[in-house]
PDB file of N, CA and C in Angstrom:
ATOM      1  N   MET A   1     122.852 292.302 -91.692  1.00  0.00           N
ATOM      2  CA  MET A   1     122.358 293.188 -90.652  1.00  0.00           C
ATOM      3  C   MET A   1     121.977 292.410 -89.400  1.00  0.00           C
ATOM      4  N   LEU A   2     121.253 291.298 -89.589  1.00  0.00           N
ATOM      5  CA  LEU A   2     120.841 290.489 -88.448  1.00  0.00           C
ATOM      6  C   LEU A   2     122.054 289.929 -87.713  1.00  0.00           C
ATOM      7  N   ALA A   3     123.056 289.484 -88.456  1.00  0.00           N
ATOM      8  CA  ALA A   3     124.254 288.927 -87.825  1.00  0.00           C
ATOM      9  C   ALA A   3     124.950 289.970 -86.959  1.00  0.00           C
ATOM     10  N   LEU A   4     125.071 291.186 -87.456  1.00  0.00           N
ATOM     11  CA  LEU A   4     125.695 292.260 -86.675  1.00  0.00           C
ATOM     12  C   LEU A   4     124.889 292.552 -85.416  1.00  0.00           C
ATOM     13  N   LEU A   5     123.579 292.600 -85.549  1.00  0.00           N
ATOM     14  CA  LEU A   5     122.707 292.828 -84.396  1.00  0.00           C
ATOM     15  C   LEU A   5     122.926 291.748 -83.341  1.00  0.00           C
ATOM     16  N   LEU A   6     123.019 290.506 -83.763  1.00  0.00           N
ATOM     17  CA  LEU A   6     123.212 289.412 -82.819  1.00  0.00           C
ATOM     18  C   LEU A   6     124.578 289.473 -82.144  1.00  0.00           C
ATOM     19  N   VAL A   7     125.601 289.870 -82.892  1.00  0.00           N
ATOM     20  CA  VAL A   7     126.944 289.993 -82.301  1.00  0.00           C
ATOM     21  C   VAL A   7     126.973 291.112 -81.256  1.00  0.00           C
ATOM     22  N   VAL A   8     126.386 292.248 -81.578  1.00  0.00           N
ATOM     23  CA  VAL A   8     126.345 293.363 -80.625  1.00  0.00           C
ATOM     24  C   VAL A   8     125.527 292.975 -79.391  1.00  0.00           C
ATOM     25  N   ALA A   9     124.384 292.329 -79.605  1.00  0.00           N
ATOM     26  CA  ALA A   9     123.551 291.891 -78.481  1.00  0.00           C
ATOM     27  C   ALA A   9     124.314 290.908 -77.602  1.00  0.00           C
ATOM     28  N   ALA A  10     125.021 289.970 -78.215  1.00  0.00           N
ATOM     29  CA  ALA A  10     125.797 288.995 -77.444  1.00  0.00           C
ATOM     30  C   ALA A  10     126.912 289.679 -76.659  1.00  0.00           C
ATOM     31  N   ALA A  11     127.573 290.661 -77.277  1.00  0.00           N
ATOM     32  CA  ALA A  11     128.632 291.392 -76.573  1.00  0.00           C
ATOM     33  C   ALA A  11     128.061 292.140 -75.371  1.00  0.00           C
ATOM     34  N   LEU A  12     126.864 292.716 -75.525  1.00  0.00           N
ATOM     35  CA  LEU A  12     126.218 293.396 -74.394  1.00  0.00           C
ATOM     36  C   LEU A  12     125.855 292.408 -73.290  1.00  0.00           C
ATOM     37  N   GLU A  13     125.325 291.255 -73.672  1.00  0.00           N
ATOM     38  CA  GLU A  13     124.931 290.277 -72.650  1.00  0.00           C
ATOM     39  C   GLU A  13     126.144 289.690 -71.930  1.00  0.00           C
ATOM     40  N   VAL A  14     127.117 289.238 -72.698  1.00  0.00           N
ATOM     41  CA  VAL A  14     128.309 288.649 -72.080  1.00  0.00           C
ATOM     42  C   VAL A  14     129.076 289.712 -71.292  1.00  0.00           C
ATOM     43  N   GLY A  15     129.184 290.912 -71.857  1.00  0.00           N
ATOM     44  CA  GLY A  15     129.850 291.995 -71.133  1.00  0.00           C
ATOM     45  C   GLY A  15     129.128 292.349 -69.851  1.00  0.00           C
ATOM     46  N   GLY A  16     127.803 292.348 -69.897  1.00  0.00           N
ATOM     47  CA  GLY A  16     127.022 292.619 -68.690  1.00  0.00           C
ATOM     48  C   GLY A  16     127.238 291.556 -67.634  1.00  0.00           C
ATOM     49  N   ASP A  17     127.231 290.294 -68.062  1.00  0.00           N
ATOM     50  CA  ASP A  17     127.500 289.206 -67.123  1.00  0.00           C
ATOM     51  C   ASP A  17     128.898 289.335 -66.520  1.00  0.00           C
ATOM     52  N   ALA A  18     129.875 289.663 -67.361  1.00  0.00           N
ATOM     53  CA  ALA A  18     131.252 289.818 -66.879  1.00  0.00           C
ATOM     54  C   ALA A  18     131.359 290.983 -65.901  1.00  0.00           C
ATOM     55  N   ALA A  19     130.655 292.076 -66.174  1.00  0.00           N
ATOM     56  CA  ALA A  19     130.692 293.234 -65.269  1.00  0.00           C
ATOM     57  C   ALA A  19     130.065 292.889 -63.919  1.00  0.00           C
ATOM     58  N   VAL A  20     128.948 292.174 -63.938  1.00  0.00           N
ATOM     59  CA  VAL A  20     128.326 291.758 -62.671  1.00  0.00           C
ATOM     60  C   VAL A  20     129.269 290.838 -61.906  1.00  0.00           C
ATOM     61  N   ARG A  21     129.876 289.892 -62.597  1.00  0.00           N
ATOM     62  CA  ARG A  21     130.823 288.975 -61.949  1.00  0.00           C
ATOM     63  C   ARG A  21     131.983 289.745 -61.332  1.00  0.00           C
ATOM     64  N   HIS A  22     132.517 290.684 -62.093  1.00  0.00           N
ATOM     65  CA  HIS A  22     133.623 291.522 -61.616  1.00  0.00           C
ATOM     66  C   HIS A  22     133.181 292.323 -60.387  1.00  0.00           C
ATOM     67  N   GLY A  23     131.981 292.910 -60.464  1.00  0.00           N
ATOM     68  CA  GLY A  23     131.469 293.695 -59.342  1.00  0.00           C
ATOM     69  C   GLY A  23     131.233 292.866 -58.100  1.00  0.00           C
ATOM     70  N   LEU A  24     130.711 291.666 -58.260  1.00  0.00           N
ATOM     71  CA  LEU A  24     130.485 290.795 -57.107  1.00  0.00           C
ATOM     72  C   LEU A  24     131.801 290.385 -56.462  1.00  0.00           C
ATOM     73  N   GLY A  25     132.798 290.109 -57.284  1.00  0.00           N
ATOM     74  CA  GLY A  25     134.102 289.698 -56.767  1.00  0.00           C
ATOM     75  C   GLY A  25     134.829 290.800 -56.032  1.00  0.00           C
ATOM     76  N   ARG A  26     134.551 292.040 -56.400  1.00  0.00           N
ATOM     77  CA  ARG A  26     135.242 293.178 -55.790  1.00  0.00           C
ATOM     78  C   ARG A  26     134.331 294.003 -54.883  1.00  0.00           C
ATOM     79  N   GLY A  27     133.087 293.604 -54.781  1.00  0.00           N
ATOM     80  CA  GLY A  27     132.145 294.360 -53.962  1.00  0.00           C
ATOM     81  C   GLY A  27     131.890 295.749 -54.520  1.00  0.00           C
ATOM     82  N   SER A  28     131.875 295.876 -55.859  1.00  0.00           N
ATOM     83  CA  SER A  28     131.723 297.177 -56.502  1.00  0.00           C
ATOM     84  C   SER A  28     130.314 297.346 -57.064  1.00  0.00           C
ATOM     85  N   LEU A  29     129.568 298.239 -56.469  1.00  0.00           N
ATOM     86  CA  LEU A  29     128.220 298.516 -56.963  1.00  0.00           C
ATOM     87  C   LEU A  29     128.250 299.164 -58.346  1.00  0.00           C
ATOM     88  N   VAL A  30     129.299 299.911 -58.653  1.00  0.00           N
ATOM     89  CA  VAL A  30     129.410 300.553 -59.966  1.00  0.00           C
ATOM     90  C   VAL A  30     129.490 299.495 -61.058  1.00  0.00           C
ATOM     91  N   TRP A  31     130.364 298.493 -60.881  1.00  0.00           N
ATOM     92  CA  TRP A  31     130.478 297.436 -61.883  1.00  0.00           C
ATOM     93  C   TRP A  31     129.180 296.643 -62.007  1.00  0.00           C
ATOM     94  N   MET A  32     128.549 296.362 -60.867  1.00  0.00           N
ATOM     95  CA  MET A  32     127.281 295.620 -60.918  1.00  0.00           C
ATOM     96  C   MET A  32     126.210 296.428 -61.644  1.00  0.00           C
ATOM     97  N   ALA A  33     126.158 297.737 -61.398  1.00  0.00           N
ATOM     98  CA  ALA A  33     125.178 298.594 -62.079  1.00  0.00           C
ATOM     99  C   ALA A  33     125.459 298.655 -63.582  1.00  0.00           C
ATOM    100  N   LEU A  34     126.736 298.750 -63.951  1.00  0.00           N
ATOM    101  CA  LEU A  34     127.078 298.725 -65.377  1.00  0.00           C
ATOM    102  C   LEU A  34     126.630 297.415 -66.022  1.00  0.00           C
ATOM    103  N   GLY A  35     126.786 296.327 -65.299  1.00  0.00           N
ATOM    104  CA  GLY A  35     126.344 295.036 -65.800  1.00  0.00           C
ATOM    105  C   GLY A  35     124.843 294.984 -66.005  1.00  0.00           C
ATOM    106  N   VAL A  36     124.100 295.522 -65.052  1.00  0.00           N
ATOM    107  CA  VAL A  36     122.634 295.534 -65.159  1.00  0.00           C
ATOM    108  C   VAL A  36     122.193 296.382 -66.352  1.00  0.00           C
ATOM    109  N   VAL A  37     122.817 297.532 -66.546  1.00  0.00           N
ATOM    110  CA  VAL A  37     122.484 298.397 -67.685  1.00  0.00           C
ATOM    111  C   VAL A  37     122.799 297.684 -69.003  1.00  0.00           C
ATOM    112  N   SER A  38     123.943 297.028 -69.056  1.00  0.00           N
ATOM    113  CA  SER A  38     124.332 296.310 -70.269  1.00  0.00           C
ATOM    114  C   SER A  38     123.367 295.168 -70.561  1.00  0.00           C
ATOM    115  N   LEU A  39     122.953 294.443 -69.540  1.00  0.00           N
ATOM    116  CA  LEU A  39     121.997 293.347 -69.736  1.00  0.00           C
ATOM    117  C   LEU A  39     120.644 293.869 -70.206  1.00  0.00           C
ATOM    118  N   GLY A  40     120.217 295.001 -69.672  1.00  0.00           N
ATOM    119  CA  GLY A  40     118.967 295.609 -70.130  1.00  0.00           C
ATOM    120  C   GLY A  40     119.059 296.053 -71.578  1.00  0.00           C
ATOM    121  N   ALA A  41     120.210 296.613 -71.950  1.00  0.00           N
ATOM    122  CA  ALA A  41     120.417 297.052 -73.334  1.00  0.00           C
ATOM    123  C   ALA A  41     120.396 295.853 -74.282  1.00  0.00           C
ATOM    124  N   TYR A  42     120.998 294.744 -73.846  1.00  0.00           N
ATOM    125  CA  TYR A  42     120.952 293.520 -74.665  1.00  0.00           C
ATOM    126  C   TYR A  42     119.510 293.097 -74.920  1.00  0.00           C
ATOM    127  N   GLY A  43     118.710 293.036 -73.872  1.00  0.00           N
ATOM    128  CA  GLY A  43     117.326 292.595 -74.012  1.00  0.00           C
ATOM    129  C   GLY A  43     116.535 293.479 -74.950  1.00  0.00           C
ATOM    130  N   PHE A  44     116.766 294.766 -74.845  1.00  0.00           N
ATOM    131  CA  PHE A  44     116.074 295.706 -75.725  1.00  0.00           C
ATOM    132  C   PHE A  44     116.538 295.524 -77.168  1.00  0.00           C
ATOM    133  N   LEU A  45     117.849 295.471 -77.383  1.00  0.00           N
ATOM    134  CA  LEU A  45     118.400 295.393 -78.734  1.00  0.00           C
ATOM    135  C   LEU A  45     117.959 294.125 -79.461  1.00  0.00           C
ATOM    136  N   VAL A  46     118.052 292.994 -78.785  1.00  0.00           N
ATOM    137  CA  VAL A  46     117.753 291.734 -79.463  1.00  0.00           C
ATOM    138  C   VAL A  46     116.267 291.616 -79.809  1.00  0.00           C
ATOM    139  N   ASN A  47     115.415 292.344 -79.115  1.00  0.00           N
ATOM    140  CA  ASN A  47     113.978 292.236 -79.352  1.00  0.00           C
ATOM    141  C   ASN A  47     113.359 293.435 -80.057  1.00  0.00           C
ATOM    142  N   ALA A  48     114.038 294.543 -80.133  1.00  0.00           N
ATOM    143  CA  ALA A  48     113.449 295.777 -80.672  1.00  0.00           C
ATOM    144  C   ALA A  48     113.148 295.693 -82.164  1.00  0.00           C
ATOM    145  N   GLY A  49     114.035 295.073 -82.927  1.00  0.00           N
ATOM    146  CA  GLY A  49     113.853 295.056 -84.372  1.00  0.00           C
ATOM    147  C   GLY A  49     112.753 294.140 -84.845  1.00  0.00           C
ATOM    148  N   ARG A  50     112.522 293.061 -84.128  1.00  0.00           N
ATOM    149  CA  ARG A  50     111.519 292.056 -84.506  1.00  0.00           C
ATOM    150  C   ARG A  50     111.655 291.666 -85.977  1.00  0.00           C
ATOM    151  N   VAL A  51     112.903 291.463 -86.400  1.00  0.00           N
ATOM    152  CA  VAL A  51     113.168 291.149 -87.800  1.00  0.00           C
ATOM    153  C   VAL A  51     112.976 289.675 -88.130  1.00  0.00           C
ATOM    154  N   ALA A  52     112.859 288.840 -87.121  1.00  0.00           N
ATOM    155  CA  ALA A  52     112.708 287.399 -87.360  1.00  0.00           C
ATOM    156  C   ALA A  52     111.773 286.821 -86.308  1.00  0.00           C
ATOM    157  N   ASP A  53     111.241 285.660 -86.629  1.00  0.00           N
ATOM    158  CA  ASP A  53     110.451 284.901 -85.670  1.00  0.00           C
ATOM    159  C   ASP A  53     111.275 284.726 -84.384  1.00  0.00           C
ATOM    160  N   PHE A  54     110.628 284.892 -83.229  1.00  0.00           N
ATOM    161  CA  PHE A  54     111.349 284.855 -81.950  1.00  0.00           C
ATOM    162  C   PHE A  54     112.119 283.550 -81.767  1.00  0.00           C
ATOM    163  N   GLY A  55     111.507 282.429 -82.088  1.00  0.00           N
ATOM    164  CA  GLY A  55     112.180 281.136 -81.930  1.00  0.00           C
ATOM    165  C   GLY A  55     113.423 281.007 -82.792  1.00  0.00           C
ATOM    166  N   ARG A  56     113.315 281.410 -84.047  1.00  0.00           N
ATOM    167  CA  ARG A  56     114.487 281.366 -84.943  1.00  0.00           C
ATOM    168  C   ARG A  56     115.545 282.350 -84.484  1.00  0.00           C
ATOM    169  N   LEU A  57     115.101 283.540 -84.069  1.00  0.00           N
ATOM    170  CA  LEU A  57     116.034 284.566 -83.606  1.00  0.00           C
ATOM    171  C   LEU A  57     116.841 284.064 -82.415  1.00  0.00           C
ATOM    172  N   MET A  58     116.162 283.515 -81.418  1.00  0.00           N
ATOM    173  CA  MET A  58     116.854 283.042 -80.222  1.00  0.00           C
ATOM    174  C   MET A  58     117.713 281.816 -80.519  1.00  0.00           C
ATOM    175  N   GLY A  59     117.249 280.957 -81.417  1.00  0.00           N
ATOM    176  CA  GLY A  59     118.055 279.795 -81.802  1.00  0.00           C
ATOM    177  C   GLY A  59     119.377 280.205 -82.420  1.00  0.00           C
ATOM    178  N   ALA A  60     119.325 281.154 -83.333  1.00  0.00           N
ATOM    179  CA  ALA A  60     120.554 281.656 -83.956  1.00  0.00           C
ATOM    180  C   ALA A  60     121.386 282.440 -82.940  1.00  0.00           C
ATOM    181  N   TYR A  61     120.703 283.174 -82.064  1.00  0.00           N
ATOM    182  CA  TYR A  61     121.406 283.981 -81.068  1.00  0.00           C
ATOM    183  C   TYR A  61     122.247 283.111 -80.141  1.00  0.00           C
ATOM    184  N   ILE A  62     121.724 281.949 -79.771  1.00  0.00           N
ATOM    185  CA  ILE A  62     122.467 281.058 -78.876  1.00  0.00           C
ATOM    186  C   ILE A  62     123.837 280.717 -79.468  1.00  0.00           C
ATOM    187  N   ALA A  63     123.875 280.447 -80.769  1.00  0.00           N
ATOM    188  CA  ALA A  63     125.145 280.114 -81.425  1.00  0.00           C
ATOM    189  C   ALA A  63     126.094 281.315 -81.391  1.00  0.00           C
ATOM    190  N   VAL A  64     125.583 282.494 -81.718  1.00  0.00           N
ATOM    191  CA  VAL A  64     126.406 283.708 -81.693  1.00  0.00           C
ATOM    192  C   VAL A  64     126.862 283.995 -80.265  1.00  0.00           C
ATOM    193  N   PHE A  65     125.959 283.842 -79.310  1.00  0.00           N
ATOM    194  CA  PHE A  65     126.287 284.070 -77.903  1.00  0.00           C
ATOM    195  C   PHE A  65     127.440 283.176 -77.458  1.00  0.00           C
ATOM    196  N   PHE A  66     127.399 281.903 -77.859  1.00  0.00           N
ATOM    197  CA  PHE A  66     128.468 280.988 -77.463  1.00  0.00           C
ATOM    198  C   PHE A  66     129.824 281.469 -77.970  1.00  0.00           C
ATOM    199  N   VAL A  67     129.886 281.821 -79.238  1.00  0.00           N
ATOM    200  CA  VAL A  67     131.162 282.249 -79.825  1.00  0.00           C
ATOM    201  C   VAL A  67     131.669 283.527 -79.150  1.00  0.00           C
ATOM    202  N   VAL A  68     130.795 284.518 -78.994  1.00  0.00           N
ATOM    203  CA  VAL A  68     131.193 285.787 -78.362  1.00  0.00           C
ATOM    204  C   VAL A  68     131.624 285.549 -76.919  1.00  0.00           C
ATOM    205  N   SER A  69     130.910 284.677 -76.205  1.00  0.00           N
ATOM    206  CA  SER A  69     131.272 284.427 -74.802  1.00  0.00           C
ATOM    207  C   SER A  69     132.653 283.788 -74.684  1.00  0.00           C
ATOM    208  N   GLN A  70     133.010 282.931 -75.628  1.00  0.00           N
ATOM    209  CA  GLN A  70     134.333 282.313 -75.581  1.00  0.00           C
ATOM    210  C   GLN A  70     135.435 283.331 -75.885  1.00  0.00           C
ATOM    211  N   VAL A  71     135.164 284.231 -76.818  1.00  0.00           N
ATOM    212  CA  VAL A  71     136.139 285.285 -77.122  1.00  0.00           C
ATOM    213  C   VAL A  71     136.331 286.183 -75.904  1.00  0.00           C
ATOM    214  N   ILE A  72     135.243 286.615 -75.297  1.00  0.00           N
ATOM    215  CA  ILE A  72     135.348 287.491 -74.118  1.00  0.00           C
ATOM    216  C   ILE A  72     135.988 286.751 -72.955  1.00  0.00           C
ATOM    217  N   ASN A  73     135.676 285.476 -72.775  1.00  0.00           N
ATOM    218  CA  ASN A  73     136.303 284.694 -71.713  1.00  0.00           C
ATOM    219  C   ASN A  73     137.819 284.654 -71.895  1.00  0.00           C
ATOM    220  N   GLY A  74     138.254 284.488 -73.128  1.00  0.00           N
ATOM    221  CA  GLY A  74     139.687 284.452 -73.387  1.00  0.00           C
ATOM    222  C   GLY A  74     140.354 285.801 -73.172  1.00  0.00           C
ATOM    223  N   VAL A  75     139.715 286.863 -73.652  1.00  0.00           N
ATOM    224  CA  VAL A  75     140.313 288.201 -73.562  1.00  0.00           C
ATOM    225  C   VAL A  75     140.249 288.751 -72.134  1.00  0.00           C
ATOM    226  N   ALA A  76     139.080 288.667 -71.507  1.00  0.00           N
ATOM    227  CA  ALA A  76     138.884 289.300 -70.196  1.00  0.00           C
ATOM    228  C   ALA A  76     139.383 288.456 -69.029  1.00  0.00           C
ATOM    229  N   PHE A  77     139.270 287.130 -69.157  1.00  0.00           N
ATOM    230  CA  PHE A  77     139.584 286.274 -68.016  1.00  0.00           C
ATOM    231  C   PHE A  77     140.721 285.289 -68.280  1.00  0.00           C
ATOM    232  N   GLY A  78     141.281 285.323 -69.491  1.00  0.00           N
ATOM    233  CA  GLY A  78     142.382 284.423 -69.817  1.00  0.00           C
ATOM    234  C   GLY A  78     141.955 282.969 -69.945  1.00  0.00           C
ATOM    235  N   GLY A  79     140.671 282.730 -70.120  1.00  0.00           N
ATOM    236  CA  GLY A  79     140.161 281.361 -70.221  1.00  0.00           C
ATOM    237  C   GLY A  79     140.520 280.709 -71.540  1.00  0.00           C
ATOM    238  N   ARG A  80     140.738 279.420 -71.489  1.00  0.00           N
ATOM    239  CA  ARG A  80     141.033 278.639 -72.691  1.00  0.00           C
ATOM    240  C   ARG A  80     140.034 277.495 -72.737  1.00  0.00           C
ATOM    241  N   PRO A  81     139.315 277.352 -73.839  1.00  0.00           N
ATOM    242  CA  PRO A  81     138.300 276.299 -73.915  1.00  0.00           C
ATOM    243  C   PRO A  81     138.910 274.899 -73.958  1.00  0.00           C
ATOM    244  N   SER A  82     138.271 273.990 -73.247  1.00  0.00           N
ATOM    245  CA  SER A  82     138.699 272.587 -73.248  1.00  0.00           C
ATOM    246  C   SER A  82     138.221 271.926 -74.543  1.00  0.00           C
ATOM    247  N   PRO A  83     138.770 270.765 -74.848  1.00  0.00           N
ATOM    248  CA  PRO A  83     138.296 270.053 -76.047  1.00  0.00           C
ATOM    249  C   PRO A  83     136.790 269.766 -76.012  1.00  0.00           C
ATOM    250  N   SER A  84     136.267 269.398 -74.848  1.00  0.00           N
ATOM    251  CA  SER A  84     134.829 269.123 -74.776  1.00  0.00           C
ATOM    252  C   SER A  84     134.012 270.397 -74.984  1.00  0.00           C
ATOM    253  N   LEU A  85     134.513 271.519 -74.520  1.00  0.00           N
ATOM    254  CA  LEU A  85     133.824 272.795 -74.745  1.00  0.00           C
ATOM    255  C   LEU A  85     133.844 273.151 -76.228  1.00  0.00           C
ATOM    256  N   LEU A  86     134.967 272.932 -76.879  1.00  0.00           N
ATOM    257  CA  LEU A  86     135.055 273.194 -78.318  1.00  0.00           C
ATOM    258  C   LEU A  86     134.119 272.287 -79.115  1.00  0.00           C
ATOM    259  N   LEU A  87     134.046 271.013 -78.736  1.00  0.00           N
ATOM    260  CA  LEU A  87     133.149 270.093 -79.424  1.00  0.00           C
ATOM    261  C   LEU A  87     131.690 270.501 -79.222  1.00  0.00           C
ATOM    262  N   GLY A  88     131.324 270.785 -77.977  1.00  0.00           N
ATOM    263  CA  GLY A  88     129.958 271.232 -77.703  1.00  0.00           C
ATOM    264  C   GLY A  88     129.645 272.532 -78.423  1.00  0.00           C
ATOM    265  N   GLY A  89     130.610 273.448 -78.453  1.00  0.00           N
ATOM    266  CA  GLY A  89     130.425 274.707 -79.160  1.00  0.00           C
ATOM    267  C   GLY A  89     130.245 274.519 -80.650  1.00  0.00           C
ATOM    268  N   ALA A  90     130.973 273.568 -81.228  1.00  0.00           N
ATOM    269  CA  ALA A  90     130.801 273.277 -82.653  1.00  0.00           C
ATOM    270  C   ALA A  90     129.388 272.770 -82.920  1.00  0.00           C
ATOM    271  N   LEU A  91     128.855 271.965 -82.018  1.00  0.00           N
ATOM    272  CA  LEU A  91     127.481 271.479 -82.160  1.00  0.00           C
ATOM    273  C   LEU A  91     126.480 272.626 -82.035  1.00  0.00           C
ATOM    274  N   ILE A  92     126.730 273.541 -81.109  1.00  0.00           N
ATOM    275  CA  ILE A  92     125.859 274.712 -80.950  1.00  0.00           C
ATOM    276  C   ILE A  92     125.887 275.565 -82.215  1.00  0.00           C
ATOM    277  N   ALA A  93     127.099 275.829 -82.725  1.00  0.00           N
ATOM    278  CA  ALA A  93     127.224 276.641 -83.941  1.00  0.00           C
ATOM    279  C   ALA A  93     126.557 275.947 -85.132  1.00  0.00           C
ATOM    280  N   ALA A  94     126.718 274.639 -85.237  1.00  0.00           N
ATOM    281  CA  ALA A  94     126.065 273.902 -86.323  1.00  0.00           C
ATOM    282  C   ALA A  94     124.552 273.997 -86.189  1.00  0.00           C
ATOM    283  N   GLY A  95     124.051 273.914 -84.970  1.00  0.00           N
ATOM    284  CA  GLY A  95     122.616 274.056 -84.746  1.00  0.00           C
ATOM    285  C   GLY A  95     122.110 275.429 -85.160  1.00  0.00           C
ATOM    286  N   GLY A  96     122.875 276.464 -84.866  1.00  0.00           N
ATOM    287  CA  GLY A  96     122.498 277.813 -85.287  1.00  0.00           C
ATOM    288  C   GLY A  96     122.430 277.938 -86.793  1.00  0.00           C
ATOM    289  N   MET A  97     123.365 277.287 -87.480  1.00  0.00           N
ATOM    290  CA  MET A  97     123.343 277.330 -88.945  1.00  0.00           C
ATOM    291  C   MET A  97     122.131 276.580 -89.504  1.00  0.00           C
ATOM    292  N   VAL A  98     121.799 275.452 -88.891  1.00  0.00           N
ATOM    293  CA  VAL A  98     120.627 274.689 -89.331  1.00  0.00           C
ATOM    294  C   VAL A  98     119.373 275.535 -89.155  1.00  0.00           C
ATOM    295  N   ILE A  99     119.261 276.216 -88.020  1.00  0.00           N
ATOM    296  CA  ILE A  99     118.093 277.053 -87.754  1.00  0.00           C
ATOM    297  C   ILE A  99     117.979 278.162 -88.804  1.00  0.00           C
ATOM    298  N   GLN A 100     119.084 278.822 -89.111  1.00  0.00           N
ATOM    299  CA  GLN A 100     119.047 279.929 -90.066  1.00  0.00           C
ATOM    300  C   GLN A 100     118.847 279.466 -91.503  1.00  0.00           C
ATOM    301  N   LEU A 101     119.550 278.436 -91.898  1.00  0.00           N
ATOM    302  CA  LEU A 101     119.468 277.986 -93.278  1.00  0.00           C
ATOM    303  C   LEU A 101     118.219 277.142 -93.539  1.00  0.00           C
ATOM    304  N   GLY A 102     117.701 276.508 -92.515  1.00  0.00           N
ATOM    305  CA  GLY A 102     116.531 275.663 -92.663  1.00  0.00           C
ATOM    306  C   GLY A 102     115.247 276.438 -92.881  1.00  0.00           C
ATOM    307  N   GLY A 103     115.237 277.698 -92.506  1.00  0.00           N
ATOM    308  CA  GLY A 103     114.027 278.512 -92.649  1.00  0.00           C
ATOM    309  C   GLY A 103     113.891 279.165 -94.010  1.00  0.00           C
ATOM    310  N   ARG A 104     114.850 278.929 -94.887  1.00  0.00           N
ATOM    311  CA  ARG A 104     114.826 279.600 -96.203  1.00  0.00           C
ATOM    312  C   ARG A 104     114.197 278.761 -97.242  1.00  0.00           C
TER     313      ARG A 104
END
């Protein structure tokens, strides 16, 4: 359940950032407003359940956020991660696993 919550929250945050970026590039207030709403929804969702300690929650969220952001970057913007980005991302994901598994 927590993993799904984090994935949805990350999709809202990354999607909101992408919408704001899109709106700024095109001068579209509609896209920027959609981005702001999505970012607000992310903040509410990730904090509403209070299912975990805030520090552990955000630590794990960072790892999920990284993975979701790379997927959205590839799909929405055609981005391809560099080797250094993949290495850094692997370290971030490993850190998220340490945070989650270390608390048990």
